[in-house]
Amino acid sequence: MSNPIIVEHKVNAPIDKVWQALTDKNEMRIWYFDIEDFELKIGAIFNFYEPGDEKKYHHQAEVVEIIPNKKLKHTWTYPEFSDQKTILTWELQADADHTLIKLIHDDIDYFGDLGENFSRNAFTEGWNGIIGQSLKPYLENGINENSKNS
């Protein structure tokens, strides 16, 4: 049985704004990854690399579930390193002016033999950083690409 990584953050932003940030590739480019081939469509496969010029880790994913303003679920793989697929779920829940973002990364232990960069601890730290230090400020403070790079 999977022991998922669960990361939760409450953001001071309406749920539709959070959903837009999670599903619009132009917004994702600002706070997340540059995912040129992302499509919000069941069965759509998308590819991306970590930021920077190194291009060390090729990520590949397939959208498996969409419930607008509530849930986005997709696979998460590293095709050059492993045949294993993990499942990443973004769940949103509205609460007045706030939105609770819950990220669930299932089957992460499938990557356990790939080294420290693929460890449970590394993923937990990474997701907390992406949501808490990138997505949350983007949504709450209106950080855009120009202010991020200055």
Protein backbone atom coordinates (compact mmCIF):
# COMPACT_ATOMS: atom_id res chain seq x y z
CA MET A 1 0.00 0.00 0.00
CA SER A 2 1.22 3.47 -0.87
CA ASN A 3 2.30 5.88 1.85
CA PRO A 4 1.64 9.16 0.01
CA ILE A 5 3.34 12.47 0.55
CA ILE A 6 0.66 14.99 1.53
CA VAL A 7 1.39 18.71 1.50
CA GLU A 8 -1.27 21.26 2.43
CA HIS A 9 -1.18 25.04 2.26
CA LYS A 10 -3.95 27.56 2.69
CA VAL A 11 -3.71 30.53 0.35
CA ASN A 12 -5.50 33.84 0.47
CA ALA A 13 -6.94 33.56 -3.04
CA PRO A 14 -10.26 32.46 -4.55
CA ILE A 15 -10.46 28.90 -5.81
CA ASP A 16 -10.91 29.90 -9.48
CA LYS A 17 -7.65 31.88 -9.36
CA VAL A 18 -5.84 28.89 -7.83
CA TRP A 19 -7.31 26.57 -10.48
CA GLN A 20 -6.17 28.93 -13.22
CA ALA A 21 -2.62 28.94 -11.81
CA LEU A 22 -2.59 25.13 -11.76
CA THR A 23 -3.98 24.63 -15.26
CA ASP A 24 -2.79 27.51 -17.45
CA LYS A 25 0.65 26.80 -18.91
CA ASN A 26 1.44 30.53 -19.12
CA GLU A 27 0.80 30.93 -15.40
CA MET A 28 2.61 27.68 -14.56
CA ARG A 29 5.70 29.02 -16.29
CA ILE A 30 5.85 31.81 -13.69
CA TRP A 31 5.52 29.81 -10.45
CA TYR A 32 6.06 26.13 -11.40
CA PHE A 33 7.66 24.65 -14.51
CA ASP A 34 7.71 25.69 -18.15
CA ILE A 35 5.41 23.03 -19.63
CA GLU A 36 4.95 23.97 -23.29
CA ASP A 37 2.91 20.89 -24.23
CA PHE A 38 0.49 20.98 -21.25
CA GLU A 39 -3.18 20.53 -22.16
CA LEU A 40 -6.02 20.36 -19.67
CA LYS A 41 -7.47 17.23 -21.22
CA ILE A 42 -7.81 13.62 -20.02
CA GLY A 43 -5.13 11.53 -21.69
CA ALA A 44 -2.93 14.53 -22.56
CA ILE A 45 0.76 13.74 -22.07
CA PHE A 46 3.13 16.55 -21.15
CA ASN A 47 6.88 16.83 -20.66
CA PHE A 48 9.14 19.25 -18.83
CA TYR A 49 12.51 19.72 -17.15
CA GLU A 50 13.53 21.40 -13.93
CA PRO A 51 14.33 25.13 -14.31
CA GLY A 52 17.76 26.12 -15.58
CA ASP A 53 19.98 24.98 -18.40
CA GLU A 54 21.10 21.67 -16.92
CA LYS A 55 18.02 19.69 -18.11
CA LYS A 56 19.03 16.83 -15.82
CA TYR A 57 15.61 15.34 -15.11
CA HIS A 58 13.05 14.77 -17.84
CA HIS A 59 9.57 14.64 -16.27
CA GLN A 60 6.67 13.10 -18.15
CA ALA A 61 3.05 13.06 -17.06
CA GLU A 62 -0.39 12.09 -18.30
CA VAL A 63 -3.59 13.79 -17.16
CA VAL A 64 -5.91 11.15 -15.70
CA GLU A 65 -8.64 13.15 -13.91
CA ILE A 66 -10.03 16.68 -14.07
CA ILE A 67 -12.75 18.12 -11.87
CA PRO A 68 -12.72 21.88 -12.55
CA ASN A 69 -11.91 24.00 -9.49
CA LYS A 70 -11.57 20.82 -7.39
CA LYS A 71 -9.06 18.25 -8.64
CA LEU A 72 -6.29 17.73 -11.17
CA LYS A 73 -4.67 14.29 -11.20
CA HIS A 74 -1.80 13.13 -13.39
CA THR A 75 0.98 10.60 -13.49
CA TRP A 76 4.55 11.65 -12.67
CA THR A 77 7.41 9.75 -14.27
CA TYR A 78 11.10 9.99 -15.15
CA PRO A 79 11.25 7.93 -18.35
CA GLU A 80 15.06 7.99 -18.63
CA PHE A 81 15.49 6.62 -15.10
CA SER A 82 12.55 4.33 -14.36
CA ASP A 83 9.52 2.57 -15.84
CA GLN A 84 7.59 3.30 -12.64
CA LYS A 85 4.72 5.79 -12.54
CA THR A 86 3.62 7.74 -9.51
CA ILE A 87 0.37 9.67 -9.19
CA LEU A 88 0.17 13.37 -8.34
CA THR A 89 -3.15 14.87 -7.24
CA TRP A 90 -3.90 18.54 -6.68
CA GLU A 91 -7.09 19.00 -4.63
CA LEU A 92 -8.68 22.38 -3.94
CA GLN A 93 -11.22 23.28 -1.28
CA ALA A 94 -12.76 26.74 -0.88
CA ASP A 95 -13.15 28.39 2.52
CA ALA A 96 -14.52 31.96 2.35
CA ASP A 97 -11.69 34.00 0.77
CA HIS A 98 -9.14 31.23 1.19
CA THR A 99 -8.38 28.07 -0.73
CA LEU A 100 -6.86 24.97 0.76
CA ILE A 101 -4.40 23.38 -1.65
CA LYS A 102 -3.74 19.72 -0.94
CA LEU A 103 -1.08 17.94 -2.95
CA ILE A 104 -0.96 14.14 -2.73
CA HIS A 105 1.97 12.30 -4.32
CA ASP A 106 1.24 8.55 -4.30
CA ASP A 107 3.65 5.67 -4.84
CA ILE A 108 6.73 7.86 -4.34
CA ASP A 109 8.58 4.84 -2.93
CA TYR A 110 8.72 3.48 -6.50
CA PHE A 111 11.60 5.93 -7.03
CA GLY A 112 13.45 4.88 -3.86
CA ASP A 113 16.24 3.10 -5.74
CA LEU A 114 17.04 6.15 -7.88
CA GLY A 115 19.03 7.97 -5.19
CA GLU A 116 18.68 10.82 -2.74
CA ASN A 117 17.26 13.30 -5.29
CA PHE A 118 14.24 10.99 -5.63
CA SER A 119 13.77 10.27 -1.93
CA ARG A 120 10.59 10.86 0.05
CA ASN A 121 12.38 13.64 1.94
CA ALA A 122 13.54 15.37 -1.26
CA PHE A 123 10.04 15.27 -2.75
CA THR A 124 8.43 16.52 0.47
CA GLU A 125 10.86 19.45 0.66
CA GLY A 126 10.39 20.15 -3.03
CA TRP A 127 6.60 20.21 -2.90
CA ASN A 128 6.59 22.38 0.23
CA GLY A 129 8.91 24.80 -1.53
CA ILE A 130 6.95 24.86 -4.77
CA ILE A 131 3.63 25.47 -3.04
CA GLY A 132 4.73 27.53 -0.02
CA GLN A 133 7.48 29.63 -1.58
CA SER A 134 6.37 29.88 -5.20
CA LEU A 135 2.64 29.25 -5.75
CA LYS A 136 1.41 30.91 -2.55
CA PRO A 137 3.33 34.20 -3.10
CA TYR A 138 2.34 34.16 -6.77
CA LEU A 139 -1.35 33.92 -5.84
CA GLU A 140 -1.32 36.25 -2.84
CA ASN A 141 1.09 38.94 -3.96
CA GLY A 142 0.56 38.92 -7.71
CA ILE A 143 4.20 38.09 -8.40
CA ASN A 144 4.73 38.03 -12.14
CA GLU A 145 7.62 37.05 -14.35
CA ASN A 146 9.01 40.59 -14.50
CA SER A 147 9.10 41.12 -10.73
CA LYS A 148 10.47 37.57 -10.20
CA ASN A 149 13.47 38.26 -12.41
CA SER A 150 14.37 41.67 -11.03
